[in-house]
Amino acid sequence: MTDNADKKKSLKDFRRIPGVGPSIAEDLYGLGYRSVSDLTGEIPEDMYEKLCMMQGQTVDRCMLYVFRCAVYFARTPESDYDPELLKWWSWKD
């Protein structure tokens, strides 16, 4: 597969996560993730800090909540999803 095809596949995979649209999928890719399963062992707060450093500014805190939801989505078997926890706003501080 070409690099572009690999990237498209990654972005499509990230879009399976509730609350992740094209822009956040690009952010996840830019952070070095290539699949939802790559998020399984991650710490959302570390992901958020890395994104802030990469962008050279403080990113809206809602991104942290989306990252928390994304890691939950990656770690949890589909049959065990709590519908409320698949909403990014359920992950606010």
PDB file of N, CA and C in Angstrom:
ATOM      1  N   MET A   1       0.836  -1.178   0.000  1.00  0.00           N
ATOM      2  CA  MET A   1       0.000   0.000   0.000  1.00  0.00           C
ATOM      3  C   MET A   1       0.883   1.243   0.000  1.00  0.00           C
ATOM      4  N   THR A   2       0.439   2.264  -0.674  1.00  0.00           N
ATOM      5  CA  THR A   2       1.205   3.507  -0.676  1.00  0.00           C
ATOM      6  C   THR A   2       1.021   4.228   0.650  1.00  0.00           C
ATOM      7  N   ASP A   3       1.898   5.174   0.909  1.00  0.00           N
ATOM      8  CA  ASP A   3       1.789   5.954   2.146  1.00  0.00           C
ATOM      9  C   ASP A   3       0.436   6.649   2.236  1.00  0.00           C
ATOM     10  N   ASN A   4      -0.030   7.202   1.102  1.00  0.00           N
ATOM     11  CA  ASN A   4      -1.311   7.904   1.090  1.00  0.00           C
ATOM     12  C   ASN A   4      -2.463   6.940   1.384  1.00  0.00           C
ATOM     13  N   ALA A   5      -2.404   5.753   0.822  1.00  0.00           N
ATOM     14  CA  ALA A   5      -3.450   4.753   1.076  1.00  0.00           C
ATOM     15  C   ALA A   5      -3.416   4.304   2.531  1.00  0.00           C
ATOM     16  N   ASP A   6      -2.213   4.163   3.090  1.00  0.00           N
ATOM     17  CA  ASP A   6      -2.082   3.799   4.506  1.00  0.00           C
ATOM     18  C   ASP A   6      -2.680   4.886   5.398  1.00  0.00           C
ATOM     19  N   LYS A   7      -2.403   6.143   5.056  1.00  0.00           N
ATOM     20  CA  LYS A   7      -2.931   7.237   5.852  1.00  0.00           C
ATOM     21  C   LYS A   7      -4.452   7.261   5.776  1.00  0.00           C
ATOM     22  N   LYS A   8      -5.009   7.094   4.594  1.00  0.00           N
ATOM     23  CA  LYS A   8      -6.469   7.077   4.433  1.00  0.00           C
ATOM     24  C   LYS A   8      -7.097   5.953   5.261  1.00  0.00           C
ATOM     25  N   LYS A   9      -6.447   4.809   5.278  1.00  0.00           N
ATOM     26  CA  LYS A   9      -6.944   3.674   6.066  1.00  0.00           C
ATOM     27  C   LYS A   9      -6.923   4.027   7.557  1.00  0.00           C
ATOM     28  N   SER A  10      -5.848   4.656   8.014  1.00  0.00           N
ATOM     29  CA  SER A  10      -5.735   5.067   9.416  1.00  0.00           C
ATOM     30  C   SER A  10      -6.822   6.068   9.783  1.00  0.00           C
ATOM     31  N   LEU A  11      -6.993   7.080   8.946  1.00  0.00           N
ATOM     32  CA  LEU A  11      -7.986   8.121   9.228  1.00  0.00           C
ATOM     33  C   LEU A  11      -9.392   7.532   9.272  1.00  0.00           C
ATOM     34  N   LYS A  12      -9.669   6.606   8.376  1.00  0.00           N
ATOM     35  CA  LYS A  12     -10.983   5.946   8.363  1.00  0.00           C
ATOM     36  C   LYS A  12     -11.183   5.156   9.654  1.00  0.00           C
ATOM     37  N   ASP A  13     -10.149   4.477  10.111  1.00  0.00           N
ATOM     38  CA  ASP A  13     -10.235   3.704  11.352  1.00  0.00           C
ATOM     39  C   ASP A  13     -10.535   4.628  12.534  1.00  0.00           C
ATOM     40  N   PHE A  14      -9.835   5.755  12.624  1.00  0.00           N
ATOM     41  CA  PHE A  14     -10.059   6.695  13.733  1.00  0.00           C
ATOM     42  C   PHE A  14     -11.480   7.252  13.731  1.00  0.00           C
ATOM     43  N   ARG A  15     -12.069   7.410  12.554  1.00  0.00           N
ATOM     44  CA  ARG A  15     -13.418   7.975  12.456  1.00  0.00           C
ATOM     45  C   ARG A  15     -14.469   7.041  13.054  1.00  0.00           C
ATOM     46  N   ARG A  16     -14.106   5.797  13.354  1.00  0.00           N
ATOM     47  CA  ARG A  16     -15.035   4.879  14.040  1.00  0.00           C
ATOM     48  C   ARG A  16     -15.288   5.315  15.484  1.00  0.00           C
ATOM     49  N   ILE A  17     -14.381   6.086  16.026  1.00  0.00           N
ATOM     50  CA  ILE A  17     -14.484   6.531  17.416  1.00  0.00           C
ATOM     51  C   ILE A  17     -15.525   7.636  17.501  1.00  0.00           C
ATOM     52  N   PRO A  18     -16.507   7.492  18.390  1.00  0.00           N
ATOM     53  CA  PRO A  18     -17.500   8.561  18.535  1.00  0.00           C
ATOM     54  C   PRO A  18     -16.820   9.889  18.892  1.00  0.00           C
ATOM     55  N   GLY A  19     -17.234  10.946  18.207  1.00  0.00           N
ATOM     56  CA  GLY A  19     -16.676  12.267  18.471  1.00  0.00           C
ATOM     57  C   GLY A  19     -15.435  12.594  17.658  1.00  0.00           C
ATOM     58  N   VAL A  20     -14.927  11.630  16.905  1.00  0.00           N
ATOM     59  CA  VAL A  20     -13.728  11.867  16.094  1.00  0.00           C
ATOM     60  C   VAL A  20     -14.151  12.093  14.644  1.00  0.00           C
ATOM     61  N   GLY A  21     -13.920  13.329  14.201  1.00  0.00           N
ATOM     62  CA  GLY A  21     -14.182  13.682  12.814  1.00  0.00           C
ATOM     63  C   GLY A  21     -12.868  13.794  12.058  1.00  0.00           C
ATOM     64  N   PRO A  22     -12.918  14.366  10.864  1.00  0.00           N
ATOM     65  CA  PRO A  22     -11.703  14.451  10.036  1.00  0.00           C
ATOM     66  C   PRO A  22     -10.534  15.160  10.714  1.00  0.00           C
ATOM     67  N   SER A  23     -10.805  16.272  11.392  1.00  0.00           N
ATOM     68  CA  SER A  23      -9.730  17.048  12.009  1.00  0.00           C
ATOM     69  C   SER A  23      -9.057  16.294  13.155  1.00  0.00           C
ATOM     70  N   ILE A  24      -9.848  15.699  14.020  1.00  0.00           N
ATOM     71  CA  ILE A  24      -9.265  14.964  15.154  1.00  0.00           C
ATOM     72  C   ILE A  24      -8.579  13.694  14.664  1.00  0.00           C
ATOM     73  N   ALA A  25      -9.112  13.074  13.623  1.00  0.00           N
ATOM     74  CA  ALA A  25      -8.433  11.909  13.032  1.00  0.00           C
ATOM     75  C   ALA A  25      -7.039  12.324  12.550  1.00  0.00           C
ATOM     76  N   GLU A  26      -6.950  13.494  11.926  1.00  0.00           N
ATOM     77  CA  GLU A  26      -5.645  14.015  11.470  1.00  0.00           C
ATOM     78  C   GLU A  26      -4.726  14.265  12.663  1.00  0.00           C
ATOM     79  N   ASP A  27      -5.288  14.798  13.757  1.00  0.00           N
ATOM     80  CA  ASP A  27      -4.482  15.037  14.956  1.00  0.00           C
ATOM     81  C   ASP A  27      -3.916  13.725  15.494  1.00  0.00           C
ATOM     82  N   LEU A  28      -4.758  12.697  15.559  1.00  0.00           N
ATOM     83  CA  LEU A  28      -4.288  11.395  16.048  1.00  0.00           C
ATOM     84  C   LEU A  28      -3.180  10.855  15.148  1.00  0.00           C
ATOM     85  N   TYR A  29      -3.365  11.000  13.852  1.00  0.00           N
ATOM     86  CA  TYR A  29      -2.341  10.550  12.906  1.00  0.00           C
ATOM     87  C   TYR A  29      -1.053  11.347  13.114  1.00  0.00           C
ATOM     88  N   GLY A  30      -1.198  12.651  13.293  1.00  0.00           N
ATOM     89  CA  GLY A  30      -0.033  13.505  13.517  1.00  0.00           C
ATOM     90  C   GLY A  30       0.708  13.174  14.796  1.00  0.00           C
ATOM     91  N   LEU A  31      -0.008  12.635  15.780  1.00  0.00           N
ATOM     92  CA  LEU A  31       0.613  12.214  17.038  1.00  0.00           C
ATOM     93  C   LEU A  31       1.338  10.870  16.893  1.00  0.00           C
ATOM     94  N   GLY A  32       1.194  10.245  15.734  1.00  0.00           N
ATOM     95  CA  GLY A  32       1.924   9.000  15.475  1.00  0.00           C
ATOM     96  C   GLY A  32       1.099   7.733  15.569  1.00  0.00           C
ATOM     97  N   TYR A  33      -0.181   7.865  15.825  1.00  0.00           N
ATOM     98  CA  TYR A  33      -1.041   6.683  15.900  1.00  0.00           C
ATOM     99  C   TYR A  33      -1.464   6.285  14.491  1.00  0.00           C
ATOM    100  N   ARG A  34      -1.606   4.986  14.286  1.00  0.00           N
ATOM    101  CA  ARG A  34      -1.978   4.500  12.962  1.00  0.00           C
ATOM    102  C   ARG A  34      -3.250   3.665  12.971  1.00  0.00           C
ATOM    103  N   SER A  35      -3.767   3.348  14.166  1.00  0.00           N
ATOM    104  CA  SER A  35      -5.009   2.587  14.263  1.00  0.00           C
ATOM    105  C   SER A  35      -5.629   2.819  15.632  1.00  0.00           C
ATOM    106  N   VAL A  36      -6.907   2.515  15.741  1.00  0.00           N
ATOM    107  CA  VAL A  36      -7.590   2.630  17.029  1.00  0.00           C
ATOM    108  C   VAL A  36      -6.870   1.783  18.067  1.00  0.00           C
ATOM    109  N   SER A  37      -6.433   0.600  17.683  1.00  0.00           N
ATOM    110  CA  SER A  37      -5.770  -0.288  18.649  1.00  0.00           C
ATOM    111  C   SER A  37      -4.491   0.312  19.215  1.00  0.00           C
ATOM    112  N   ASP A  38      -3.869   1.253  18.497  1.00  0.00           N
ATOM    113  CA  ASP A  38      -2.667   1.931  19.013  1.00  0.00           C
ATOM    114  C   ASP A  38      -2.962   2.754  20.261  1.00  0.00           C
ATOM    115  N   LEU A  39      -4.222   3.097  20.479  1.00  0.00           N
ATOM    116  CA  LEU A  39      -4.613   3.949  21.602  1.00  0.00           C
ATOM    117  C   LEU A  39      -4.805   3.169  22.895  1.00  0.00           C
ATOM    118  N   THR A  40      -4.846   1.854  22.809  1.00  0.00           N
ATOM    119  CA  THR A  40      -5.203   1.008  23.941  1.00  0.00           C
ATOM    120  C   THR A  40      -4.398   1.296  25.202  1.00  0.00           C
ATOM    121  N   GLY A  41      -3.114   1.430  25.106  1.00  0.00           N
ATOM    122  CA  GLY A  41      -2.278   1.624  26.287  1.00  0.00           C
ATOM    123  C   GLY A  41      -1.915   3.068  26.567  1.00  0.00           C
ATOM    124  N   GLU A  42      -2.567   3.997  25.891  1.00  0.00           N
ATOM    125  CA  GLU A  42      -2.178   5.402  26.012  1.00  0.00           C
ATOM    126  C   GLU A  42      -2.816   6.094  27.215  1.00  0.00           C
ATOM    127  N   ILE A  43      -2.195   7.194  27.604  1.00  0.00           N
ATOM    128  CA  ILE A  43      -2.687   8.039  28.692  1.00  0.00           C
ATOM    129  C   ILE A  43      -3.201   9.326  28.040  1.00  0.00           C
ATOM    130  N   PRO A  44      -4.518   9.556  28.085  1.00  0.00           N
ATOM    131  CA  PRO A  44      -5.090  10.715  27.390  1.00  0.00           C
ATOM    132  C   PRO A  44      -4.439  12.047  27.756  1.00  0.00           C
ATOM    133  N   GLU A  45      -4.081  12.235  29.012  1.00  0.00           N
ATOM    134  CA  GLU A  45      -3.463  13.485  29.431  1.00  0.00           C
ATOM    135  C   GLU A  45      -2.117  13.684  28.734  1.00  0.00           C
ATOM    136  N   ASP A  46      -1.358  12.600  28.553  1.00  0.00           N
ATOM    137  CA  ASP A  46      -0.079  12.685  27.842  1.00  0.00           C
ATOM    138  C   ASP A  46      -0.304  13.001  26.361  1.00  0.00           C
ATOM    139  N   MET A  47      -1.329  12.401  25.784  1.00  0.00           N
ATOM    140  CA  MET A  47      -1.666  12.675  24.384  1.00  0.00           C
ATOM    141  C   MET A  47      -1.996  14.158  24.195  1.00  0.00           C
ATOM    142  N   TYR A  48      -2.781  14.689  25.120  1.00  0.00           N
ATOM    143  CA  TYR A  48      -3.190  16.089  25.068  1.00  0.00           C
ATOM    144  C   TYR A  48      -1.977  17.015  25.188  1.00  0.00           C
ATOM    145  N   GLU A  49      -1.107  16.733  26.151  1.00  0.00           N
ATOM    146  CA  GLU A  49       0.097  17.565  26.336  1.00  0.00           C
ATOM    147  C   GLU A  49       0.983  17.529  25.092  1.00  0.00           C
ATOM    148  N   LYS A  50       1.126  16.351  24.490  1.00  0.00           N
ATOM    149  CA  LYS A  50       1.943  16.229  23.280  1.00  0.00           C
ATOM    150  C   LYS A  50       1.335  17.032  22.136  1.00  0.00           C
ATOM    151  N   LEU A  51      -0.001  16.993  22.010  1.00  0.00           N
ATOM    152  CA  LEU A  51      -0.661  17.761  20.963  1.00  0.00           C
ATOM    153  C   LEU A  51      -0.450  19.258  21.182  1.00  0.00           C
ATOM    154  N   CYS A  52      -0.570  19.712  22.423  1.00  0.00           N
ATOM    155  CA  CYS A  52      -0.327  21.128  22.730  1.00  0.00           C
ATOM    156  C   CYS A  52       1.101  21.522  22.354  1.00  0.00           C
ATOM    157  N   MET A  53       2.063  20.679  22.676  1.00  0.00           N
ATOM    158  CA  MET A  53       3.462  20.970  22.333  1.00  0.00           C
ATOM    159  C   MET A  53       3.653  20.992  20.820  1.00  0.00           C
ATOM    160  N   MET A  54       3.056  20.032  20.127  1.00  0.00           N
ATOM    161  CA  MET A  54       3.194  19.977  18.669  1.00  0.00           C
ATOM    162  C   MET A  54       2.600  21.216  18.007  1.00  0.00           C
ATOM    163  N   GLN A  55       1.509  21.716  18.545  1.00  0.00           N
ATOM    164  CA  GLN A  55       0.843  22.875  17.948  1.00  0.00           C
ATOM    165  C   GLN A  55       1.398  24.196  18.480  1.00  0.00           C
ATOM    166  N   GLY A  56       2.240  24.114  19.502  1.00  0.00           N
ATOM    167  CA  GLY A  56       2.862  25.317  20.043  1.00  0.00           C
ATOM    168  C   GLY A  56       1.900  26.231  20.766  1.00  0.00           C
ATOM    169  N   GLN A  57       0.801  25.654  21.249  1.00  0.00           N
ATOM    170  CA  GLN A  57      -0.187  26.444  21.979  1.00  0.00           C
ATOM    171  C   GLN A  57      -1.094  25.504  22.774  1.00  0.00           C
ATOM    172  N   THR A  58      -1.825  26.083  23.706  1.00  0.00           N
ATOM    173  CA  THR A  58      -2.784  25.287  24.461  1.00  0.00           C
ATOM    174  C   THR A  58      -3.979  24.999  23.565  1.00  0.00           C
ATOM    175  N   VAL A  59      -4.297  23.738  23.432  1.00  0.00           N
ATOM    176  CA  VAL A  59      -5.427  23.287  22.621  1.00  0.00           C
ATOM    177  C   VAL A  59      -6.662  23.271  23.511  1.00  0.00           C
ATOM    178  N   ASP A  60      -7.811  23.522  22.920  1.00  0.00           N
ATOM    179  CA  ASP A  60      -9.072  23.486  23.669  1.00  0.00           C
ATOM    180  C   ASP A  60      -9.133  22.213  24.503  1.00  0.00           C
ATOM    181  N   ARG A  61      -9.491  22.370  25.760  1.00  0.00           N
ATOM    182  CA  ARG A  61      -9.518  21.244  26.702  1.00  0.00           C
ATOM    183  C   ARG A  61     -10.486  20.134  26.273  1.00  0.00           C
ATOM    184  N   CYS A  62     -11.445  20.463  25.442  1.00  0.00           N
ATOM    185  CA  CYS A  62     -12.373  19.448  24.935  1.00  0.00           C
ATOM    186  C   CYS A  62     -11.622  18.323  24.212  1.00  0.00           C
ATOM    187  N   MET A  63     -10.456  18.660  23.655  1.00  0.00           N
ATOM    188  CA  MET A  63      -9.667  17.631  22.975  1.00  0.00           C
ATOM    189  C   MET A  63      -9.242  16.552  23.967  1.00  0.00           C
ATOM    190  N   LEU A  64      -8.914  16.939  25.186  1.00  0.00           N
ATOM    191  CA  LEU A  64      -8.570  15.960  26.216  1.00  0.00           C
ATOM    192  C   LEU A  64      -9.746  15.011  26.451  1.00  0.00           C
ATOM    193  N   TYR A  65     -10.940  15.556  26.479  1.00  0.00           N
ATOM    194  CA  TYR A  65     -12.126  14.728  26.716  1.00  0.00           C
ATOM    195  C   TYR A  65     -12.351  13.750  25.569  1.00  0.00           C
ATOM    196  N   VAL A  66     -12.086  14.212  24.350  1.00  0.00           N
ATOM    197  CA  VAL A  66     -12.196  13.318  23.186  1.00  0.00           C
ATOM    198  C   VAL A  66     -11.136  12.224  23.283  1.00  0.00           C
ATOM    199  N   PHE A  67      -9.917  12.581  23.700  1.00  0.00           N
ATOM    200  CA  PHE A  67      -8.869  11.574  23.849  1.00  0.00           C
ATOM    201  C   PHE A  67      -9.245  10.550  24.915  1.00  0.00           C
ATOM    202  N   ARG A  68      -9.840  10.991  26.017  1.00  0.00           N
ATOM    203  CA  ARG A  68     -10.282  10.054  27.055  1.00  0.00           C
ATOM    204  C   ARG A  68     -11.316   9.085  26.491  1.00  0.00           C
ATOM    205  N   CYS A  69     -12.255   9.617  25.726  1.00  0.00           N
ATOM    206  CA  CYS A  69     -13.278   8.779  25.103  1.00  0.00           C
ATOM    207  C   CYS A  69     -12.640   7.805  24.104  1.00  0.00           C
ATOM    208  N   ALA A  70     -11.683   8.293  23.330  1.00  0.00           N
ATOM    209  CA  ALA A  70     -11.021   7.458  22.319  1.00  0.00           C
ATOM    210  C   ALA A  70     -10.266   6.295  22.960  1.00  0.00           C
ATOM    211  N   VAL A  71      -9.578   6.565  24.051  1.00  0.00           N
ATOM    212  CA  VAL A  71      -8.842   5.499  24.743  1.00  0.00           C
ATOM    213  C   VAL A  71      -9.822   4.494  25.337  1.00  0.00           C
ATOM    214  N   TYR A  72     -10.915   4.973  25.897  1.00  0.00           N
ATOM    215  CA  TYR A  72     -11.963   4.074  26.398  1.00  0.00           C
ATOM    216  C   TYR A  72     -12.484   3.195  25.262  1.00  0.00           C
ATOM    217  N   PHE A  73     -12.763   3.801  24.116  1.00  0.00           N
ATOM    218  CA  PHE A  73     -13.255   3.073  22.944  1.00  0.00           C
ATOM    219  C   PHE A  73     -12.260   1.988  22.526  1.00  0.00           C
ATOM    220  N   ALA A  74     -10.981   2.327  22.535  1.00  0.00           N
ATOM    221  CA  ALA A  74      -9.943   1.377  22.109  1.00  0.00           C
ATOM    222  C   ALA A  74      -9.765   0.240  23.106  1.00  0.00           C
ATOM    223  N   ARG A  75      -9.886   0.518  24.386  1.00  0.00           N
ATOM    224  CA  ARG A  75      -9.625  -0.478  25.440  1.00  0.00           C
ATOM    225  C   ARG A  75     -10.792  -1.408  25.715  1.00  0.00           C
ATOM    226  N   THR A  76     -11.995  -0.980  25.387  1.00  0.00           N
ATOM    227  CA  THR A  76     -13.196  -1.682  25.818  1.00  0.00           C
ATOM    228  C   THR A  76     -13.746  -2.563  24.699  1.00  0.00           C
ATOM    229  N   PRO A  77     -14.035  -3.820  25.003  1.00  0.00           N
ATOM    230  CA  PRO A  77     -14.678  -4.666  23.985  1.00  0.00           C
ATOM    231  C   PRO A  77     -16.020  -4.048  23.572  1.00  0.00           C
ATOM    232  N   GLU A  78     -16.331  -4.117  22.296  1.00  0.00           N
ATOM    233  CA  GLU A  78     -17.548  -3.496  21.775  1.00  0.00           C
ATOM    234  C   GLU A  78     -18.799  -3.922  22.543  1.00  0.00           C
ATOM    235  N   SER A  79     -18.837  -5.164  22.959  1.00  0.00           N
ATOM    236  CA  SER A  79     -20.010  -5.672  23.682  1.00  0.00           C
ATOM    237  C   SER A  79     -20.151  -5.049  25.072  1.00  0.00           C
ATOM    238  N   ASP A  80     -19.090  -4.407  25.570  1.00  0.00           N
ATOM    239  CA  ASP A  80     -19.108  -3.829  26.912  1.00  0.00           C
ATOM    240  C   ASP A  80     -19.226  -2.299  26.930  1.00  0.00           C
ATOM    241  N   TYR A  81     -19.362  -1.671  25.770  1.00  0.00           N
ATOM    242  CA  TYR A  81     -19.454  -0.211  25.734  1.00  0.00           C
ATOM    243  C   TYR A  81     -20.627   0.280  26.567  1.00  0.00           C
ATOM    244  N   ASP A  82     -20.356   1.302  27.375  1.00  0.00           N
ATOM    245  CA  ASP A  82     -21.411   2.036  28.070  1.00  0.00           C
ATOM    246  C   ASP A  82     -21.767   3.201  27.137  1.00  0.00           C
ATOM    247  N   PRO A  83     -23.001   3.250  26.631  1.00  0.00           N
ATOM    248  CA  PRO A  83     -23.364   4.300  25.670  1.00  0.00           C
ATOM    249  C   PRO A  83     -23.066   5.715  26.175  1.00  0.00           C
ATOM    250  N   GLU A  84     -23.192   5.942  27.474  1.00  0.00           N
ATOM    251  CA  GLU A  84     -22.904   7.273  28.022  1.00  0.00           C
ATOM    252  C   GLU A  84     -21.417   7.608  27.925  1.00  0.00           C
ATOM    253  N   LEU A  85     -20.558   6.604  28.032  1.00  0.00           N
ATOM    254  CA  LEU A  85     -19.118   6.850  27.975  1.00  0.00           C
ATOM    255  C   LEU A  85     -18.600   6.977  26.545  1.00  0.00           C
ATOM    256  N   LEU A  86     -19.480   6.772  25.575  1.00  0.00           N
ATOM    257  CA  LEU A  86     -19.099   6.978  24.175  1.00  0.00           C
ATOM    258  C   LEU A  86     -19.411   8.410  23.731  1.00  0.00           C
ATOM    259  N   LYS A  87     -19.794   9.248  24.678  1.00  0.00           N
ATOM    260  CA  LYS A  87     -20.021  10.673  24.430  1.00  0.00           C
ATOM    261  C   LYS A  87     -18.845  11.427  25.053  1.00  0.00           C
ATOM    262  N   TRP A  88     -18.117  12.186  24.243  1.00  0.00           N
ATOM    263  CA  TRP A  88     -16.900  12.826  24.746  1.00  0.00           C
ATOM    264  C   TRP A  88     -17.178  13.718  25.943  1.00  0.00           C
ATOM    265  N   TRP A  89     -18.335  14.353  25.994  1.00  0.00           N
ATOM    266  CA  TRP A  89     -18.620  15.275  27.101  1.00  0.00           C
ATOM    267  C   TRP A  89     -18.820  14.550  28.432  1.00  0.00           C
ATOM    268  N   SER A  90     -18.960  13.236  28.370  1.00  0.00           N
ATOM    269  CA  SER A  90     -19.030  12.450  29.609  1.00  0.00           C
ATOM    270  C   SER A  90     -17.669  12.343  30.295  1.00  0.00           C
ATOM    271  N   TRP A  91     -16.625  12.778  29.617  1.00  0.00           N
ATOM    272  CA  TRP A  91     -15.261  12.647  30.119  1.00  0.00           C
ATOM    273  C   TRP A  91     -14.686  13.958  30.650  1.00  0.00           C
ATOM    274  N   LYS A  92     -15.546  14.959  30.863  1.00  0.00           N
ATOM    275  CA  LYS A  92     -15.068  16.237  31.397  1.00  0.00           C
ATOM    276  C   LYS A  92     -14.523  16.034  32.803  1.00  0.00           C
ATOM    277  N   ASP A  93     -13.659  16.960  33.215  1.00  0.00           N
ATOM    278  CA  ASP A  93     -13.080  16.912  34.562  1.00  0.00           C
ATOM    279  C   ASP A  93     -14.154  17.018  35.612  1.00  0.00           C
TER     280      ASP A  93
END
